[in-house]
Amino acid sequence: MLGANDPNLLVLVSLAAGPRHGHAILLDVREFAGVRLGPGTLYGAIGRLEADGLIEAMPLDGRRRPYRITGEGRAALGDRLGGLNQAVQTGLRRMERSA
């Protein structure tokens, strides 16, 4: 599946629904994408996205640190999903023509 192996994209999609802490992101990604991210992969993606200003850490909630998508992150996610949608639509049209 396009994007299914891109942890940055998967984290952004998860956070588009609202703030979540790391474990909640892992569970959400597994549910909507069927992908099991390891903690190292997840926190590597979180670090990259945070450094790029696409997500931000929120104050601690007990022992957990929630993250939320920024306005810049929403724009980047929209651009990325638009590109993926174009690739999917092109692929579907080509499959119809070759059937």
C-alpha atoms as a PDB file:
ATOM      1  CA  MET A   1       0.000   0.000   0.000  1.00  0.00           C
ATOM      2  CA  LEU A   2       1.317   3.435  -0.909  1.00  0.00           C
ATOM      3  CA  GLY A   3       2.655   5.220   2.133  1.00  0.00           C
ATOM      4  CA  ALA A   4       2.045   2.243   4.399  1.00  0.00           C
ATOM      5  CA  ASN A   5       5.767   1.936   5.042  1.00  0.00           C
ATOM      6  CA  ASP A   6       6.299   5.669   5.715  1.00  0.00           C
ATOM      7  CA  PRO A   7       6.216   6.200   9.480  1.00  0.00           C
ATOM      8  CA  ASN A   8       6.226   9.998   9.110  1.00  0.00           C
ATOM      9  CA  LEU A   9       3.059   9.861   7.023  1.00  0.00           C
ATOM     10  CA  LEU A  10       1.401   7.364   9.360  1.00  0.00           C
ATOM     11  CA  VAL A  11       2.120   9.516  12.427  1.00  0.00           C
ATOM     12  CA  LEU A  12       0.746  12.629  10.707  1.00  0.00           C
ATOM     13  CA  VAL A  13      -2.425  10.773   9.712  1.00  0.00           C
ATOM     14  CA  SER A  14      -2.865   9.573  13.289  1.00  0.00           C
ATOM     15  CA  LEU A  15      -2.361  13.035  14.767  1.00  0.00           C
ATOM     16  CA  ALA A  16      -4.740  14.606  12.238  1.00  0.00           C
ATOM     17  CA  ALA A  17      -7.532  13.118  14.395  1.00  0.00           C
ATOM     18  CA  GLY A  18      -6.254  14.908  17.494  1.00  0.00           C
ATOM     19  CA  PRO A  19      -3.430  14.824  20.040  1.00  0.00           C
ATOM     20  CA  ARG A  20      -2.099  11.417  21.063  1.00  0.00           C
ATOM     21  CA  HIS A  21       0.786  10.006  23.058  1.00  0.00           C
ATOM     22  CA  GLY A  22       3.185   7.463  21.559  1.00  0.00           C
ATOM     23  CA  HIS A  23       1.394   4.276  22.539  1.00  0.00           C
ATOM     24  CA  ALA A  24      -1.945   5.642  21.299  1.00  0.00           C
ATOM     25  CA  ILE A  25      -0.282   6.495  17.967  1.00  0.00           C
ATOM     26  CA  LEU A  26       1.040   2.929  17.692  1.00  0.00           C
ATOM     27  CA  LEU A  27      -2.430   1.489  18.319  1.00  0.00           C
ATOM     28  CA  ASP A  28      -4.121   3.908  15.921  1.00  0.00           C
ATOM     29  CA  VAL A  29      -1.651   3.194  13.102  1.00  0.00           C
ATOM     30  CA  ARG A  30      -2.122  -0.534  13.592  1.00  0.00           C
ATOM     31  CA  GLU A  31      -5.899  -0.068  13.402  1.00  0.00           C
ATOM     32  CA  PHE A  32      -6.164   2.200  10.336  1.00  0.00           C
ATOM     33  CA  ALA A  33      -3.175   0.975   8.323  1.00  0.00           C
ATOM     34  CA  GLY A  34      -2.527  -2.550   9.572  1.00  0.00           C
ATOM     35  CA  VAL A  35       1.099  -1.542  10.212  1.00  0.00           C
ATOM     36  CA  ARG A  36       2.970  -2.357  13.411  1.00  0.00           C
ATOM     37  CA  LEU A  37       5.495   0.383  14.086  1.00  0.00           C
ATOM     38  CA  GLY A  38       8.204  -0.418  16.574  1.00  0.00           C
ATOM     39  CA  PRO A  39       8.932   2.111  19.318  1.00  0.00           C
ATOM     40  CA  GLY A  40      12.264   3.077  17.714  1.00  0.00           C
ATOM     41  CA  THR A  41      10.593   3.710  14.375  1.00  0.00           C
ATOM     42  CA  LEU A  42       7.783   5.680  16.015  1.00  0.00           C
ATOM     43  CA  TYR A  43      10.010   7.904  18.119  1.00  0.00           C
ATOM     44  CA  GLY A  44      12.413   8.418  15.212  1.00  0.00           C
ATOM     45  CA  ALA A  45       9.480   9.677  13.139  1.00  0.00           C
ATOM     46  CA  ILE A  46       8.249  11.853  16.003  1.00  0.00           C
ATOM     47  CA  GLY A  47      11.729  13.389  16.340  1.00  0.00           C
ATOM     48  CA  ARG A  48      11.951  14.150  12.611  1.00  0.00           C
ATOM     49  CA  LEU A  49       8.431  15.571  12.433  1.00  0.00           C
ATOM     50  CA  GLU A  50       9.009  17.704  15.507  1.00  0.00           C
ATOM     51  CA  ALA A  51      12.348  18.998  14.151  1.00  0.00           C
ATOM     52  CA  ASP A  52      10.593  19.927  10.898  1.00  0.00           C
ATOM     53  CA  GLY A  53       7.845  21.789  12.775  1.00  0.00           C
ATOM     54  CA  LEU A  54       5.115  19.426  11.554  1.00  0.00           C
ATOM     55  CA  ILE A  55       4.137  18.251  15.038  1.00  0.00           C
ATOM     56  CA  GLU A  56       4.722  19.592  18.529  1.00  0.00           C
ATOM     57  CA  ALA A  57       4.955  18.112  21.980  1.00  0.00           C
ATOM     58  CA  MET A  58       2.329  19.085  24.491  1.00  0.00           C
ATOM     59  CA  PRO A  59       2.704  19.245  28.282  1.00  0.00           C
ATOM     60  CA  LEU A  60       3.053  15.908  30.032  1.00  0.00           C
ATOM     61  CA  ASP A  61      -0.188  14.114  30.828  1.00  0.00           C
ATOM     62  CA  GLY A  62       0.882  12.086  33.834  1.00  0.00           C
ATOM     63  CA  ARG A  63       3.807  10.017  32.548  1.00  0.00           C
ATOM     64  CA  ARG A  64       2.796  10.376  28.894  1.00  0.00           C
ATOM     65  CA  ARG A  65       3.804  13.059  26.417  1.00  0.00           C
ATOM     66  CA  PRO A  66       1.078  13.808  23.864  1.00  0.00           C
ATOM     67  CA  TYR A  67       1.866  15.288  20.466  1.00  0.00           C
ATOM     68  CA  ARG A  68      -0.283  17.327  18.114  1.00  0.00           C
ATOM     69  CA  ILE A  69      -0.057  18.207  14.454  1.00  0.00           C
ATOM     70  CA  THR A  70       0.758  21.847  13.630  1.00  0.00           C
ATOM     71  CA  GLY A  71      -0.764  23.985  10.898  1.00  0.00           C
ATOM     72  CA  GLU A  72       2.338  23.370   8.821  1.00  0.00           C
ATOM     73  CA  GLY A  73       1.932  19.641   9.476  1.00  0.00           C
ATOM     74  CA  ARG A  74      -1.686  19.717   8.266  1.00  0.00           C
ATOM     75  CA  ALA A  75      -0.608  21.489   5.080  1.00  0.00           C
ATOM     76  CA  ALA A  76       2.210  18.983   4.495  1.00  0.00           C
ATOM     77  CA  LEU A  77      -0.155  16.070   5.133  1.00  0.00           C
ATOM     78  CA  GLY A  78      -2.698  17.500   2.683  1.00  0.00           C
ATOM     79  CA  ASP A  79      -0.017  17.860   0.008  1.00  0.00           C
ATOM     80  CA  ARG A  80       1.236  14.328   0.588  1.00  0.00           C
ATOM     81  CA  LEU A  81      -2.231  12.775   0.570  1.00  0.00           C
ATOM     82  CA  GLY A  82      -3.094  14.695  -2.599  1.00  0.00           C
ATOM     83  CA  GLY A  83      -0.028  13.245  -4.299  1.00  0.00           C
ATOM     84  CA  LEU A  84      -0.856   9.750  -3.104  1.00  0.00           C
ATOM     85  CA  ASN A  85      -4.437  10.153  -4.280  1.00  0.00           C
ATOM     86  CA  GLN A  86      -3.215  11.164  -7.728  1.00  0.00           C
ATOM     87  CA  ALA A  87      -0.997   8.074  -7.905  1.00  0.00           C
ATOM     88  CA  VAL A  88      -3.848   5.826  -6.750  1.00  0.00           C
ATOM     89  CA  GLN A  89      -6.315   7.306  -9.260  1.00  0.00           C
ATOM     90  CA  THR A  90      -3.799   6.970 -12.099  1.00  0.00           C
ATOM     91  CA  GLY A  91      -3.135   3.349 -11.144  1.00  0.00           C
ATOM     92  CA  LEU A  92      -6.846   2.531 -11.029  1.00  0.00           C
ATOM     93  CA  ARG A  93      -7.465   4.116 -14.453  1.00  0.00           C
ATOM     94  CA  ARG A  94      -4.573   2.198 -15.971  1.00  0.00           C
ATOM     95  CA  MET A  95      -5.842  -1.065 -14.513  1.00  0.00           C
ATOM     96  CA  GLU A  96      -9.290  -0.434 -15.995  1.00  0.00           C
ATOM     97  CA  ARG A  97      -7.794   0.205 -19.437  1.00  0.00           C
ATOM     98  CA  SER A  98      -5.718  -2.952 -19.376  1.00  0.00           C
ATOM     99  CA  ALA A  99      -8.517  -5.236 -18.204  1.00  0.00           C
END
